[in-house]
Amino acid sequence: MAKVQIVLTHAGTGSLIVDGHDIAGEVGGIELKSMPGYEPELQLQLPGVELAAEAKVGVGPSTAAALRALGWTPPSSNDTGKEG
């Protein structure tokens, strides 16, 4: 997990340091979600930035069941890691 430090002023300016790099000048907005028992989630709005990334996505059992009822077919283990 990245180390993040956020320092905000009353005027909505400040610094946003991610792993030692201040990226505040590139960020249009931030949203922080934190709930007991869960890892905090920081969403950054990056205007004009295109980002390609790999992510691990999980679907809970009840959500998977609902999606299957709507015709969704989950990817096989052979499909993981493939673009699509």
Protein backbone atom coordinates (compact mmCIF):
# COMPACT_ATOMS: atom_id res chain seq x y z
CA MET A 1 0.00 0.00 0.00
CA ALA A 2 1.30 3.46 -0.88
CA LYS A 3 2.16 5.90 1.88
CA VAL A 4 0.02 9.04 1.46
CA GLN A 5 0.24 12.36 3.28
CA ILE A 6 -2.42 15.02 2.70
CA VAL A 7 -2.04 18.60 3.94
CA LEU A 8 -4.92 20.94 3.11
CA THR A 9 -5.35 24.66 3.69
CA HIS A 10 -8.58 26.55 4.22
CA ALA A 11 -8.46 27.64 0.56
CA GLY A 12 -8.49 24.06 -0.76
CA THR A 13 -4.82 24.04 -1.64
CA GLY A 14 -1.97 22.12 -0.05
CA SER A 15 0.11 19.06 -0.74
CA LEU A 16 -0.67 15.48 -1.65
CA ILE A 17 2.43 13.37 -1.15
CA VAL A 18 2.34 9.78 -2.45
CA ASP A 19 5.40 7.69 -1.67
CA GLY A 20 7.49 10.86 -1.25
CA HIS A 21 6.28 12.65 -4.41
CA ASP A 22 4.02 15.71 -4.19
CA ILE A 23 1.38 15.25 -6.90
CA ALA A 24 -1.02 17.99 -5.74
CA GLY A 25 -0.44 20.00 -8.92
CA GLU A 26 -1.78 17.12 -11.02
CA VAL A 27 -4.87 16.34 -8.95
CA GLY A 28 -8.22 18.04 -9.51
CA GLY A 29 -9.87 16.61 -6.41
CA ILE A 30 -9.69 13.90 -3.76
CA GLU A 31 -12.17 11.72 -1.91
CA LEU A 32 -11.18 9.71 1.16
CA LYS A 33 -13.29 6.83 2.43
CA SER A 34 -12.46 5.20 5.74
CA MET A 35 -14.55 2.67 7.66
CA PRO A 36 -13.62 0.60 10.70
CA GLY A 37 -12.36 -2.83 9.69
CA TYR A 38 -11.55 -1.84 6.11
CA GLU A 39 -8.48 -0.41 4.42
CA PRO A 40 -8.88 3.30 3.66
CA GLU A 41 -9.65 4.18 0.05
CA LEU A 42 -8.36 7.36 -1.59
CA GLN A 43 -9.84 8.34 -4.95
CA LEU A 44 -7.98 10.94 -6.98
CA GLN A 45 -9.50 12.99 -9.78
CA LEU A 46 -6.80 13.36 -12.41
CA PRO A 47 -8.05 15.68 -15.17
CA GLY A 48 -6.51 14.98 -18.57
CA VAL A 49 -4.62 11.90 -17.41
CA GLU A 50 -4.99 8.54 -19.08
CA LEU A 51 -4.04 5.65 -16.85
CA ALA A 52 -3.58 1.99 -17.67
CA ALA A 53 -3.32 -0.33 -14.68
CA GLU A 54 -3.88 -3.87 -13.55
CA ALA A 55 -6.28 -4.45 -10.70
CA LYS A 56 -7.57 -7.34 -8.68
CA VAL A 57 -11.36 -7.18 -8.66
CA GLY A 58 -13.53 -9.26 -6.40
CA VAL A 59 -17.25 -9.91 -6.58
CA GLY A 60 -19.10 -11.08 -3.49
CA PRO A 61 -21.18 -14.28 -3.62
CA SER A 62 -24.57 -12.52 -3.58
CA THR A 63 -23.46 -10.08 -6.29
CA ALA A 64 -22.09 -12.93 -8.40
CA ALA A 65 -25.39 -14.81 -8.03
CA ALA A 66 -27.36 -11.73 -9.11
CA LEU A 67 -25.07 -11.18 -12.10
CA ARG A 68 -25.36 -14.84 -13.13
CA ALA A 69 -29.16 -14.52 -12.98
CA LEU A 70 -28.83 -11.64 -15.44
CA GLY A 71 -26.73 -13.75 -17.83
CA TRP A 72 -23.17 -12.94 -16.71
CA THR A 73 -20.58 -15.66 -17.10
CA PRO A 74 -17.62 -15.25 -14.74
CA PRO A 75 -14.18 -15.52 -16.33
CA SER A 76 -12.42 -18.85 -16.02
CA SER A 77 -9.13 -19.02 -14.16
CA ASN A 78 -7.46 -19.17 -17.61
CA ASP A 79 -8.91 -15.73 -18.44
CA THR A 80 -7.43 -13.92 -15.46
CA GLY A 81 -4.69 -11.51 -16.38
CA LYS A 82 -5.90 -11.14 -19.95
CA GLU A 83 -6.96 -7.81 -21.37
CA GLY A 84 -10.64 -7.53 -22.16
